[in-house]
Amino acid sequence: MIRVGVMGGGAWGTALAQVCARAGREVILWAREPDVVETINARHENVSFLAGIPLEPQIRATGQLSDLAGADLVLAVPPAQHMRTTLLAFASHARPGLPVLLCSKGVEQGSLKLMTEVLAETLPGAAPAVLSGPSFAAEVARGLPTAVTLACPDMAQAERLAEAIATPMFRPYFATDMIGAEAGGAVKNVLAIACGIVEGRGLGRSAHAALITRGFSELTRLAIALGGEAETVAGLCGLGDLVLTCSSPQSRNMSVGLALGKGLTLEEALTGKLSVAEGVASAPAVRDLARKLGVETPICEAVAAILDGKVGVDVAIHELLSRPLREEN
């Protein structure tokens, strides 16, 4: 896999392009923003999303999806709610059997589908795989040590994909459970908003730890109901990603929760942010998906209600703490 195409010129897409370039691949990065394409090609820097981080010189940016047609591997990194439209726009350029590594985390609103399902409907001839795990874009782009899960139904293909993008500082672990990998990535963003609210309200580290633990129970229940495996979400793509995203204001989702916890409105919390906080869009979809499957997810329900403006932060916290006492497991 010599030629790698990356769809999405945001922080995460740019960081993954950096990883692939360091792995010795020829990288072409598609971005919808003309200024991103211009600054990457002219200055080897994504000024809009990863300012101050020099990019590898072999990364070339483009505004034309057709330029990815000759890629041996495509990493799909648009925001989850834009995945379908981006893949549809690329469909006429995709060859049968093209490996597509899905790197965005979320549940599509309306359809309540995971990204693998969206890929199956838009590029039915593609060979799907999922990349997920604890990874801040800026740290990955700088070359700091990172370990992630690469899930693919075909273990041999998973190994080939991992070898194509692995570097001494970016270590993919193989898995075959794509559903579990996707569920972990989607739900943890919603829980990170909840953790930010707890932090912003000054409720203490004990409450923070309890929320992560009970949130992980929700994540696991939903993953299993979708057909995933508990063992998968107990790894990097579930528990690992949850711990990272819920423990640092560097997380876009946690930063939104922090603002809400401090009394800002959702509009105020999102003002001035170029990068997408996936949990904001995924929260109602995760809630609706859980309801559809009959899975109890009170924390995700509370976050969705807060974001919808149906309940205030203090009321949501009170309702969570007032739930009937029960056995832990």
C-alpha atoms as a PDB file:
ATOM      1  CA  MET A   1       0.000   0.000   0.000  1.00  0.00           C
ATOM      2  CA  ILE A   2       2.172   2.789  -1.340  1.00  0.00           C
ATOM      3  CA  ARG A   3      -0.391   5.515  -2.053  1.00  0.00           C
ATOM      4  CA  VAL A   4      -2.688   6.623   0.774  1.00  0.00           C
ATOM      5  CA  GLY A   5      -5.599   9.028   0.400  1.00  0.00           C
ATOM      6  CA  VAL A   6      -6.970  10.859   3.436  1.00  0.00           C
ATOM      7  CA  MET A   7     -10.487  12.306   3.298  1.00  0.00           C
ATOM      8  CA  GLY A   8     -10.826  15.255   5.656  1.00  0.00           C
ATOM      9  CA  GLY A   9      -8.460  18.143   6.330  1.00  0.00           C
ATOM     10  CA  GLY A  10      -9.392  18.773   9.943  1.00  0.00           C
ATOM     11  CA  ALA A  11      -7.064  18.164  12.879  1.00  0.00           C
ATOM     12  CA  TRP A  12      -7.497  14.383  12.979  1.00  0.00           C
ATOM     13  CA  GLY A  13      -7.313  13.883   9.228  1.00  0.00           C
ATOM     14  CA  THR A  14      -4.160  15.984   9.058  1.00  0.00           C
ATOM     15  CA  ALA A  15      -2.602  14.087  11.973  1.00  0.00           C
ATOM     16  CA  LEU A  16      -3.308  10.763  10.263  1.00  0.00           C
ATOM     17  CA  ALA A  17      -1.823  12.075   7.018  1.00  0.00           C
ATOM     18  CA  GLN A  18       1.266  12.905   9.062  1.00  0.00           C
ATOM     19  CA  VAL A  19       1.336   9.342  10.439  1.00  0.00           C
ATOM     20  CA  CYS A  20       1.046   7.805   6.976  1.00  0.00           C
ATOM     21  CA  ALA A  21       3.800  10.040   5.618  1.00  0.00           C
ATOM     22  CA  ARG A  22       6.093   9.012   8.475  1.00  0.00           C
ATOM     23  CA  ALA A  23       5.278   5.392   7.649  1.00  0.00           C
ATOM     24  CA  GLY A  24       6.802   6.015   4.230  1.00  0.00           C
ATOM     25  CA  ARG A  25       3.597   6.370   2.214  1.00  0.00           C
ATOM     26  CA  GLU A  26       2.761   8.784  -0.564  1.00  0.00           C
ATOM     27  CA  VAL A  27      -0.052  10.839   0.967  1.00  0.00           C
ATOM     28  CA  ILE A  28      -2.701  12.963  -0.667  1.00  0.00           C
ATOM     29  CA  LEU A  29      -5.016  14.779   1.729  1.00  0.00           C
ATOM     30  CA  TRP A  30      -8.428  15.991   0.577  1.00  0.00           C
ATOM     31  CA  ALA A  31      -9.841  19.047   2.360  1.00  0.00           C
ATOM     32  CA  ARG A  32     -13.028  20.920   1.568  1.00  0.00           C
ATOM     33  CA  GLU A  33     -11.538  24.240   2.751  1.00  0.00           C
ATOM     34  CA  PRO A  34      -9.438  25.954   0.020  1.00  0.00           C
ATOM     35  CA  ASP A  35      -7.301  27.777   2.604  1.00  0.00           C
ATOM     36  CA  VAL A  36      -6.348  24.450   4.224  1.00  0.00           C
ATOM     37  CA  VAL A  37      -5.282  23.064   0.850  1.00  0.00           C
ATOM     38  CA  GLU A  38      -3.288  26.210   0.116  1.00  0.00           C
ATOM     39  CA  THR A  39      -1.406  26.421   3.408  1.00  0.00           C
ATOM     40  CA  ILE A  40      -0.542  22.716   3.470  1.00  0.00           C
ATOM     41  CA  ASN A  41       0.894  22.855  -0.056  1.00  0.00           C
ATOM     42  CA  ALA A  42       2.606  26.226   0.318  1.00  0.00           C
ATOM     43  CA  ARG A  43       3.761  26.139   3.946  1.00  0.00           C
ATOM     44  CA  HIS A  44       3.522  22.460   5.014  1.00  0.00           C
ATOM     45  CA  GLU A  45       1.225  23.493   7.852  1.00  0.00           C
ATOM     46  CA  ASN A  46      -2.516  23.268   8.538  1.00  0.00           C
ATOM     47  CA  VAL A  47      -2.880  26.749   9.996  1.00  0.00           C
ATOM     48  CA  SER A  48      -6.633  26.398  10.583  1.00  0.00           C
ATOM     49  CA  PHE A  49      -6.653  23.141  12.546  1.00  0.00           C
ATOM     50  CA  LEU A  50      -3.091  22.276  13.628  1.00  0.00           C
ATOM     51  CA  ALA A  51      -1.273  25.580  13.736  1.00  0.00           C
ATOM     52  CA  GLY A  52       2.400  25.486  14.627  1.00  0.00           C
ATOM     53  CA  ILE A  53       2.972  21.819  13.744  1.00  0.00           C
ATOM     54  CA  PRO A  54       5.224  21.309  10.693  1.00  0.00           C
ATOM     55  CA  LEU A  55       3.879  18.679   8.308  1.00  0.00           C
ATOM     56  CA  GLU A  56       5.895  16.111   6.420  1.00  0.00           C
ATOM     57  CA  PRO A  57       6.881  17.479   2.988  1.00  0.00           C
ATOM     58  CA  GLN A  58       5.519  14.468   1.076  1.00  0.00           C
ATOM     59  CA  ILE A  59       1.934  15.307   2.119  1.00  0.00           C
ATOM     60  CA  ARG A  60       0.081  16.912  -0.781  1.00  0.00           C
ATOM     61  CA  ALA A  61      -3.326  18.512  -0.299  1.00  0.00           C
ATOM     62  CA  THR A  62      -6.138  18.732  -2.823  1.00  0.00           C
ATOM     63  CA  GLY A  63      -9.672  20.031  -3.067  1.00  0.00           C
ATOM     64  CA  GLN A  64     -10.706  17.359  -5.585  1.00  0.00           C
ATOM     65  CA  LEU A  65     -11.907  13.965  -4.362  1.00  0.00           C
ATOM     66  CA  SER A  66     -11.076  12.536  -7.776  1.00  0.00           C
ATOM     67  CA  ASP A  67      -7.383  12.924  -6.897  1.00  0.00           C
ATOM     68  CA  LEU A  68      -7.822  10.070  -4.387  1.00  0.00           C
ATOM     69  CA  ALA A  69      -8.913   7.652  -7.126  1.00  0.00           C
ATOM     70  CA  GLY A  70      -5.469   6.064  -7.462  1.00  0.00           C
ATOM     71  CA  ALA A  71      -4.985   5.412  -3.745  1.00  0.00           C
ATOM     72  CA  ASP A  72      -4.211   1.909  -2.482  1.00  0.00           C
ATOM     73  CA  LEU A  73      -5.859   2.788   0.835  1.00  0.00           C
ATOM     74  CA  VAL A  74      -8.269   5.561   1.848  1.00  0.00           C
ATOM     75  CA  LEU A  75      -8.663   6.878   5.385  1.00  0.00           C
ATOM     76  CA  ALA A  76     -12.146   8.401   5.769  1.00  0.00           C
ATOM     77  CA  VAL A  77     -12.000  11.191   8.360  1.00  0.00           C
ATOM     78  CA  PRO A  78     -14.859  13.661   7.709  1.00  0.00           C
ATOM     79  CA  PRO A  79     -17.099  14.431  10.718  1.00  0.00           C
ATOM     80  CA  ALA A  80     -19.518  11.578  11.310  1.00  0.00           C
ATOM     81  CA  GLN A  81     -22.546  13.612  10.257  1.00  0.00           C
ATOM     82  CA  HIS A  82     -20.850  14.411   6.919  1.00  0.00           C
ATOM     83  CA  MET A  83     -19.514  10.910   6.242  1.00  0.00           C
ATOM     84  CA  ARG A  84     -22.384   9.883   3.984  1.00  0.00           C
ATOM     85  CA  THR A  85     -22.253  12.936   1.702  1.00  0.00           C
ATOM     86  CA  THR A  86     -18.451  12.731   1.440  1.00  0.00           C
ATOM     87  CA  LEU A  87     -18.457   9.034   0.549  1.00  0.00           C
ATOM     88  CA  LEU A  88     -21.248   9.533  -1.978  1.00  0.00           C
ATOM     89  CA  ALA A  89     -19.213  12.285  -3.632  1.00  0.00           C
ATOM     90  CA  PHE A  90     -16.238   9.912  -3.825  1.00  0.00           C
ATOM     91  CA  ALA A  91     -18.231   6.864  -4.960  1.00  0.00           C
ATOM     92  CA  SER A  92     -17.656   7.331  -8.689  1.00  0.00           C
ATOM     93  CA  HIS A  93     -13.880   7.415  -8.098  1.00  0.00           C
ATOM     94  CA  ALA A  94     -13.623   4.338  -5.837  1.00  0.00           C
ATOM     95  CA  ARG A  95     -12.453   1.059  -7.356  1.00  0.00           C
ATOM     96  CA  PRO A  96     -14.018  -2.244  -6.211  1.00  0.00           C
ATOM     97  CA  GLY A  97     -12.267  -3.730  -3.196  1.00  0.00           C
ATOM     98  CA  LEU A  98     -10.692  -0.418  -2.132  1.00  0.00           C
ATOM     99  CA  PRO A  99      -9.728  -0.635   1.566  1.00  0.00           C
ATOM    100  CA  VAL A 100     -11.468   2.197   3.442  1.00  0.00           C
ATOM    101  CA  LEU A 101     -10.327   2.801   6.999  1.00  0.00           C
ATOM    102  CA  LEU A 102     -13.074   4.644   8.906  1.00  0.00           C
ATOM    103  CA  CYS A 103     -11.526   7.069  11.392  1.00  0.00           C
ATOM    104  CA  SER A 104     -14.506   9.199  12.507  1.00  0.00           C
ATOM    105  CA  LYS A 105     -16.468   8.464  15.659  1.00  0.00           C
ATOM    106  CA  GLY A 106     -20.202   8.888  15.865  1.00  0.00           C
ATOM    107  CA  VAL A 107     -23.727   7.703  15.123  1.00  0.00           C
ATOM    108  CA  GLU A 108     -25.502   9.212  12.131  1.00  0.00           C
ATOM    109  CA  GLN A 109     -28.511  11.288  13.072  1.00  0.00           C
ATOM    110  CA  GLY A 110     -31.795  10.171  11.581  1.00  0.00           C
ATOM    111  CA  SER A 111     -30.667   6.756  10.364  1.00  0.00           C
ATOM    112  CA  LEU A 112     -29.009   5.883  13.728  1.00  0.00           C
ATOM    113  CA  LYS A 113     -26.327   4.005  11.795  1.00  0.00           C
ATOM    114  CA  LEU A 114     -22.674   3.440  12.559  1.00  0.00           C
ATOM    115  CA  MET A 115     -20.059   4.536  10.041  1.00  0.00           C
ATOM    116  CA  THR A 116     -19.533   0.969   8.768  1.00  0.00           C
ATOM    117  CA  GLU A 117     -23.230   0.852   7.864  1.00  0.00           C
ATOM    118  CA  VAL A 118     -22.960   4.220   6.116  1.00  0.00           C
ATOM    119  CA  LEU A 119     -19.955   2.921   4.163  1.00  0.00           C
ATOM    120  CA  ALA A 120     -21.815  -0.248   3.161  1.00  0.00           C
ATOM    121  CA  GLU A 121     -24.649   1.841   1.726  1.00  0.00           C
ATOM    122  CA  THR A 122     -22.484   4.396  -0.094  1.00  0.00           C
ATOM    123  CA  LEU A 123     -19.475   2.308  -1.220  1.00  0.00           C
ATOM    124  CA  PRO A 124     -20.782  -1.282  -1.164  1.00  0.00           C
ATOM    125  CA  GLY A 125     -17.699  -2.551  -2.979  1.00  0.00           C
ATOM    126  CA  ALA A 126     -15.233  -1.172  -0.435  1.00  0.00           C
ATOM    127  CA  ALA A 127     -13.329  -3.300   2.080  1.00  0.00           C
ATOM    128  CA  PRO A 128     -14.183  -1.760   5.479  1.00  0.00           C
ATOM    129  CA  ALA A 129     -12.012  -1.298   8.552  1.00  0.00           C
ATOM    130  CA  VAL A 130     -12.193   0.905  11.654  1.00  0.00           C
ATOM    131  CA  LEU A 131      -9.497   2.893  13.443  1.00  0.00           C
ATOM    132  CA  SER A 132     -10.268   4.052  16.971  1.00  0.00           C
ATOM    133  CA  GLY A 133      -8.505   4.642  20.255  1.00  0.00           C
ATOM    134  CA  PRO A 134      -7.077   7.233  22.671  1.00  0.00           C
ATOM    135  CA  SER A 135      -5.465   9.792  20.385  1.00  0.00           C
ATOM    136  CA  PHE A 136      -5.349  13.578  20.492  1.00  0.00           C
ATOM    137  CA  ALA A 137      -4.657  14.924  17.009  1.00  0.00           C
ATOM    138  CA  ALA A 138      -1.994  17.420  18.061  1.00  0.00           C
ATOM    139  CA  GLU A 139      -0.047  14.778  19.989  1.00  0.00           C
ATOM    140  CA  VAL A 140      -0.214  12.309  17.110  1.00  0.00           C
ATOM    141  CA  ALA A 141       0.854  14.983  14.625  1.00  0.00           C
ATOM    142  CA  ARG A 142       3.846  15.857  16.803  1.00  0.00           C
ATOM    143  CA  GLY A 143       4.890  12.208  16.904  1.00  0.00           C
ATOM    144  CA  LEU A 144       4.131  11.451  20.549  1.00  0.00           C
ATOM    145  CA  PRO A 145       3.565   7.760  21.438  1.00  0.00           C
ATOM    146  CA  THR A 146       0.053   6.549  20.619  1.00  0.00           C
ATOM    147  CA  ALA A 147      -1.653   3.143  20.550  1.00  0.00           C
ATOM    148  CA  VAL A 148      -4.985   2.495  18.829  1.00  0.00           C
ATOM    149  CA  THR A 149      -7.288  -0.317  17.731  1.00  0.00           C
ATOM    150  CA  LEU A 150      -7.527  -1.252  14.057  1.00  0.00           C
ATOM    151  CA  ALA A 151     -10.578  -3.461  13.544  1.00  0.00           C
ATOM    152  CA  CYS A 152     -11.268  -5.438  10.379  1.00  0.00           C
ATOM    153  CA  PRO A 153     -13.252  -8.674   9.873  1.00  0.00           C
ATOM    154  CA  ASP A 154     -10.287 -10.168   7.995  1.00  0.00           C
ATOM    155  CA  MET A 155      -7.358 -10.463  10.405  1.00  0.00           C
ATOM    156  CA  ALA A 156      -4.839 -10.767   7.574  1.00  0.00           C
ATOM    157  CA  GLN A 157      -6.181  -7.542   6.079  1.00  0.00           C
ATOM    158  CA  ALA A 158      -6.018  -5.895   9.502  1.00  0.00           C
ATOM    159  CA  GLU A 159      -2.329  -6.780   9.682  1.00  0.00           C
ATOM    160  CA  ARG A 160      -1.691  -5.364   6.219  1.00  0.00           C
ATOM    161  CA  LEU A 161      -3.462  -2.123   7.086  1.00  0.00           C
ATOM    162  CA  ALA A 162      -1.614  -1.830  10.380  1.00  0.00           C
ATOM    163  CA  GLU A 163       1.718  -2.344   8.655  1.00  0.00           C
ATOM    164  CA  ALA A 164       0.824   0.380   6.154  1.00  0.00           C
ATOM    165  CA  ILE A 165       0.285   3.067   8.796  1.00  0.00           C
ATOM    166  CA  ALA A 166       2.376   1.935  11.781  1.00  0.00           C
ATOM    167  CA  THR A 167       5.401   3.938  12.907  1.00  0.00           C
ATOM    168  CA  PRO A 168       7.656   3.589  15.969  1.00  0.00           C
ATOM    169  CA  MET A 169       5.380   6.141  17.697  1.00  0.00           C
ATOM    170  CA  PHE A 170       1.992   5.054  16.304  1.00  0.00           C
ATOM    171  CA  ARG A 171       1.076   1.481  17.205  1.00  0.00           C
ATOM    172  CA  PRO A 172      -2.133  -0.132  15.906  1.00  0.00           C
ATOM    173  CA  TYR A 173      -3.389  -3.289  17.661  1.00  0.00           C
ATOM    174  CA  PHE A 174      -5.484  -5.701  15.543  1.00  0.00           C
ATOM    175  CA  ALA A 175      -9.106  -6.657  16.213  1.00  0.00           C
ATOM    176  CA  THR A 176     -11.922  -8.183  14.187  1.00  0.00           C
ATOM    177  CA  ASP A 177     -14.849  -6.553  16.043  1.00  0.00           C
ATOM    178  CA  MET A 178     -15.657  -3.417  14.046  1.00  0.00           C
ATOM    179  CA  ILE A 179     -18.967  -2.864  15.847  1.00  0.00           C
ATOM    180  CA  GLY A 180     -17.331  -2.801  19.265  1.00  0.00           C
ATOM    181  CA  ALA A 181     -14.622  -0.440  18.016  1.00  0.00           C
ATOM    182  CA  GLU A 182     -17.213   1.911  16.562  1.00  0.00           C
ATOM    183  CA  ALA A 183     -19.527   1.819  19.573  1.00  0.00           C
ATOM    184  CA  GLY A 184     -16.686   2.695  21.919  1.00  0.00           C
ATOM    185  CA  GLY A 185     -15.653   5.690  19.848  1.00  0.00           C
ATOM    186  CA  ALA A 186     -19.175   7.029  19.421  1.00  0.00           C
ATOM    187  CA  VAL A 187     -20.411   6.752  23.006  1.00  0.00           C
ATOM    188  CA  LYS A 188     -17.239   8.015  24.695  1.00  0.00           C
ATOM    189  CA  ASN A 189     -17.693  11.426  23.045  1.00  0.00           C
ATOM    190  CA  VAL A 190     -21.101  11.813  24.685  1.00  0.00           C
ATOM    191  CA  LEU A 191     -19.712  10.729  28.059  1.00  0.00           C
ATOM    192  CA  ALA A 192     -16.853  13.221  27.710  1.00  0.00           C
ATOM    193  CA  ILE A 193     -19.404  16.032  27.589  1.00  0.00           C
ATOM    194  CA  ALA A 194     -20.872  14.696  30.827  1.00  0.00           C
ATOM    195  CA  CYS A 195     -17.424  14.602  32.447  1.00  0.00           C
ATOM    196  CA  GLY A 196     -16.799  18.163  31.353  1.00  0.00           C
ATOM    197  CA  ILE A 197     -20.052  19.245  32.983  1.00  0.00           C
ATOM    198  CA  VAL A 198     -19.013  17.564  36.233  1.00  0.00           C
ATOM    199  CA  GLU A 199     -15.644  19.316  36.080  1.00  0.00           C
ATOM    200  CA  GLY A 200     -17.178  22.673  35.183  1.00  0.00           C
ATOM    201  CA  ARG A 201     -19.640  22.426  38.059  1.00  0.00           C
ATOM    202  CA  GLY A 202     -16.808  21.652  40.488  1.00  0.00           C
ATOM    203  CA  LEU A 203     -18.336  18.392  41.670  1.00  0.00           C
ATOM    204  CA  GLY A 204     -14.986  16.792  42.492  1.00  0.00           C
ATOM    205  CA  ARG A 205     -12.795  13.908  41.398  1.00  0.00           C
ATOM    206  CA  SER A 206     -14.956  11.278  43.088  1.00  0.00           C
ATOM    207  CA  ALA A 207     -17.937  12.244  40.946  1.00  0.00           C
ATOM    208  CA  HIS A 208     -15.684  12.319  37.893  1.00  0.00           C
ATOM    209  CA  ALA A 209     -14.440   8.779  38.543  1.00  0.00           C
ATOM    210  CA  ALA A 210     -17.957   7.501  39.218  1.00  0.00           C
ATOM    211  CA  LEU A 211     -19.223   9.009  35.984  1.00  0.00           C
ATOM    212  CA  ILE A 212     -16.458   7.424  33.898  1.00  0.00           C
ATOM    213  CA  THR A 213     -17.142   4.028  35.483  1.00  0.00           C
ATOM    214  CA  ARG A 214     -20.913   4.135  35.137  1.00  0.00           C
ATOM    215  CA  GLY A 215     -20.548   5.616  31.664  1.00  0.00           C
ATOM    216  CA  PHE A 216     -18.355   2.698  30.668  1.00  0.00           C
ATOM    217  CA  SER A 217     -21.173   0.378  31.755  1.00  0.00           C
ATOM    218  CA  GLU A 218     -23.530   2.204  29.392  1.00  0.00           C
ATOM    219  CA  LEU A 219     -20.983   2.023  26.583  1.00  0.00           C
ATOM    220  CA  THR A 220     -20.518  -1.711  27.108  1.00  0.00           C
ATOM    221  CA  ARG A 221     -24.258  -2.459  27.227  1.00  0.00           C
ATOM    222  CA  LEU A 222     -24.867  -0.592  23.993  1.00  0.00           C
ATOM    223  CA  ALA A 223     -21.914  -2.206  22.224  1.00  0.00           C
ATOM    224  CA  ILE A 224     -23.150  -5.692  23.150  1.00  0.00           C
ATOM    225  CA  ALA A 225     -26.711  -4.868  22.069  1.00  0.00           C
ATOM    226  CA  LEU A 226     -25.340  -3.770  18.675  1.00  0.00           C
ATOM    227  CA  GLY A 227     -23.507  -7.074  18.295  1.00  0.00           C
ATOM    228  CA  GLY A 228     -20.092  -6.015  19.561  1.00  0.00           C
ATOM    229  CA  GLU A 229     -17.983  -7.699  22.203  1.00  0.00           C
ATOM    230  CA  ALA A 230     -17.334  -6.576  25.773  1.00  0.00           C
ATOM    231  CA  GLU A 231     -13.684  -7.556  25.392  1.00  0.00           C
ATOM    232  CA  THR A 232     -13.274  -5.066  22.533  1.00  0.00           C
ATOM    233  CA  VAL A 233     -14.585  -2.045  24.434  1.00  0.00           C
ATOM    234  CA  ALA A 234     -12.477  -3.020  27.445  1.00  0.00           C
ATOM    235  CA  GLY A 235      -9.463  -2.168  25.276  1.00  0.00           C
ATOM    236  CA  LEU A 236      -8.011   0.915  23.621  1.00  0.00           C
ATOM    237  CA  CYS A 237     -11.047   1.751  21.469  1.00  0.00           C
ATOM    238  CA  GLY A 238     -13.414   1.785  24.443  1.00  0.00           C
ATOM    239  CA  LEU A 239     -12.005   2.150  27.927  1.00  0.00           C
ATOM    240  CA  GLY A 240      -8.738   3.661  26.723  1.00  0.00           C
ATOM    241  CA  ASP A 241     -10.431   6.294  24.595  1.00  0.00           C
ATOM    242  CA  LEU A 242     -12.962   7.011  27.342  1.00  0.00           C
ATOM    243  CA  VAL A 243     -10.274   7.676  29.953  1.00  0.00           C
ATOM    244  CA  LEU A 244      -8.392  10.059  27.648  1.00  0.00           C
ATOM    245  CA  THR A 245     -11.400  11.988  26.370  1.00  0.00           C
ATOM    246  CA  CYS A 246     -12.945  12.340  29.812  1.00  0.00           C
ATOM    247  CA  SER A 247      -9.768  13.476  31.543  1.00  0.00           C
ATOM    248  CA  SER A 248      -8.428  16.454  29.609  1.00  0.00           C
ATOM    249  CA  PRO A 249      -9.851  19.817  28.506  1.00  0.00           C
ATOM    250  CA  GLN A 250      -7.799  19.229  25.340  1.00  0.00           C
ATOM    251  CA  SER A 251     -10.732  16.998  24.373  1.00  0.00           C
ATOM    252  CA  ARG A 252     -13.133  19.002  22.220  1.00  0.00           C
ATOM    253  CA  ASN A 253     -16.100  17.179  23.752  1.00  0.00           C
ATOM    254  CA  MET A 254     -14.970  17.644  27.328  1.00  0.00           C
ATOM    255  CA  SER A 255     -14.307  21.336  26.675  1.00  0.00           C
ATOM    256  CA  VAL A 256     -17.919  21.751  25.544  1.00  0.00           C
ATOM    257  CA  GLY A 257     -19.076  20.085  28.759  1.00  0.00           C
ATOM    258  CA  LEU A 258     -16.789  22.311  30.814  1.00  0.00           C
ATOM    259  CA  ALA A 259     -18.414  25.383  29.309  1.00  0.00           C
ATOM    260  CA  LEU A 260     -21.909  24.009  29.955  1.00  0.00           C
ATOM    261  CA  GLY A 261     -20.972  23.151  33.528  1.00  0.00           C
ATOM    262  CA  LYS A 262     -19.820  26.731  34.067  1.00  0.00           C
ATOM    263  CA  GLY A 263     -23.192  28.050  32.967  1.00  0.00           C
ATOM    264  CA  LEU A 264     -22.638  28.854  29.298  1.00  0.00           C
ATOM    265  CA  THR A 265     -25.234  27.997  26.688  1.00  0.00           C
ATOM    266  CA  LEU A 266     -24.482  25.415  24.013  1.00  0.00           C
ATOM    267  CA  GLU A 267     -24.208  28.186  21.425  1.00  0.00           C
ATOM    268  CA  GLU A 268     -21.684  30.005  23.610  1.00  0.00           C
ATOM    269  CA  ALA A 269     -19.773  26.770  24.250  1.00  0.00           C
ATOM    270  CA  LEU A 270     -19.390  26.175  20.504  1.00  0.00           C
ATOM    271  CA  THR A 271     -18.567  29.747  19.520  1.00  0.00           C
ATOM    272  CA  GLY A 272     -15.191  30.118  17.851  1.00  0.00           C
ATOM    273  CA  LYS A 273     -14.531  26.372  17.574  1.00  0.00           C
ATOM    274  CA  LEU A 274     -13.458  25.234  14.111  1.00  0.00           C
ATOM    275  CA  SER A 275     -13.006  21.569  15.005  1.00  0.00           C
ATOM    276  CA  VAL A 276     -16.141  19.484  15.454  1.00  0.00           C
ATOM    277  CA  ALA A 277     -17.121  18.128  18.879  1.00  0.00           C
ATOM    278  CA  GLU A 278     -18.651  14.871  17.613  1.00  0.00           C
ATOM    279  CA  GLY A 279     -20.473  14.187  20.883  1.00  0.00           C
ATOM    280  CA  VAL A 280     -22.803  17.163  20.397  1.00  0.00           C
ATOM    281  CA  ALA A 281     -24.277  15.687  17.225  1.00  0.00           C
ATOM    282  CA  SER A 282     -23.988  12.059  18.376  1.00  0.00           C
ATOM    283  CA  ALA A 283     -25.708  12.498  21.759  1.00  0.00           C
ATOM    284  CA  PRO A 284     -29.309  12.493  20.470  1.00  0.00           C
ATOM    285  CA  ALA A 285     -28.467   9.717  18.001  1.00  0.00           C
ATOM    286  CA  VAL A 286     -26.879   7.578  20.736  1.00  0.00           C
ATOM    287  CA  ARG A 287     -29.907   8.193  22.972  1.00  0.00           C
ATOM    288  CA  ASP A 288     -32.351   7.228  20.205  1.00  0.00           C
ATOM    289  CA  LEU A 289     -30.307   4.174  19.230  1.00  0.00           C
ATOM    290  CA  ALA A 290     -30.197   2.982  22.844  1.00  0.00           C
ATOM    291  CA  ARG A 291     -33.946   3.418  23.163  1.00  0.00           C
ATOM    292  CA  LYS A 292     -34.484   1.503  19.931  1.00  0.00           C
ATOM    293  CA  LEU A 293     -32.396  -1.388  21.269  1.00  0.00           C
ATOM    294  CA  GLY A 294     -33.926  -1.253  24.758  1.00  0.00           C
ATOM    295  CA  VAL A 295     -30.620  -0.353  26.423  1.00  0.00           C
ATOM    296  CA  GLU A 296     -30.578   1.771  29.564  1.00  0.00           C
ATOM    297  CA  THR A 297     -28.189   4.745  29.166  1.00  0.00           C
ATOM    298  CA  PRO A 298     -29.152   7.357  31.787  1.00  0.00           C
ATOM    299  CA  ILE A 299     -25.962   9.423  31.449  1.00  0.00           C
ATOM    300  CA  CYS A 300     -26.243   9.652  27.672  1.00  0.00           C
ATOM    301  CA  GLU A 301     -29.941  10.459  28.087  1.00  0.00           C
ATOM    302  CA  ALA A 302     -29.080  13.300  30.461  1.00  0.00           C
ATOM    303  CA  VAL A 303     -26.447  14.747  28.113  1.00  0.00           C
ATOM    304  CA  ALA A 304     -28.856  14.652  25.171  1.00  0.00           C
ATOM    305  CA  ALA A 305     -31.547  16.385  27.250  1.00  0.00           C
ATOM    306  CA  ILE A 306     -29.121  19.126  28.313  1.00  0.00           C
ATOM    307  CA  LEU A 307     -27.967  19.704  24.734  1.00  0.00           C
ATOM    308  CA  ASP A 308     -31.578  19.792  23.536  1.00  0.00           C
ATOM    309  CA  GLY A 309     -32.332  22.451  26.166  1.00  0.00           C
ATOM    310  CA  LYS A 310     -35.013  20.240  27.716  1.00  0.00           C
ATOM    311  CA  VAL A 311     -33.424  20.167  31.159  1.00  0.00           C
ATOM    312  CA  GLY A 312     -30.917  22.270  33.061  1.00  0.00           C
ATOM    313  CA  VAL A 313     -27.555  20.975  34.256  1.00  0.00           C
ATOM    314  CA  ASP A 314     -28.470  20.958  37.943  1.00  0.00           C
ATOM    315  CA  VAL A 315     -31.781  19.205  37.334  1.00  0.00           C
ATOM    316  CA  ALA A 316     -30.069  16.551  35.195  1.00  0.00           C
ATOM    317  CA  ILE A 317     -27.484  15.913  37.918  1.00  0.00           C
ATOM    318  CA  HIS A 318     -30.190  15.674  40.574  1.00  0.00           C
ATOM    319  CA  GLU A 319     -32.198  13.216  38.484  1.00  0.00           C
ATOM    320  CA  LEU A 320     -29.158  10.991  37.946  1.00  0.00           C
ATOM    321  CA  LEU A 321     -28.326  10.935  41.653  1.00  0.00           C
ATOM    322  CA  SER A 322     -31.970  10.309  42.578  1.00  0.00           C
ATOM    323  CA  ARG A 323     -32.309   7.130  40.549  1.00  0.00           C
ATOM    324  CA  PRO A 324     -33.342   4.055  42.565  1.00  0.00           C
ATOM    325  CA  LEU A 325     -30.550   2.240  44.369  1.00  0.00           C
ATOM    326  CA  ARG A 326     -29.534  -0.923  42.566  1.00  0.00           C
ATOM    327  CA  GLU A 327     -27.005  -3.695  42.267  1.00  0.00           C
ATOM    328  CA  GLU A 328     -23.852  -2.470  40.503  1.00  0.00           C
ATOM    329  CA  ASN A 329     -23.585  -5.222  37.876  1.00  0.00           C
END
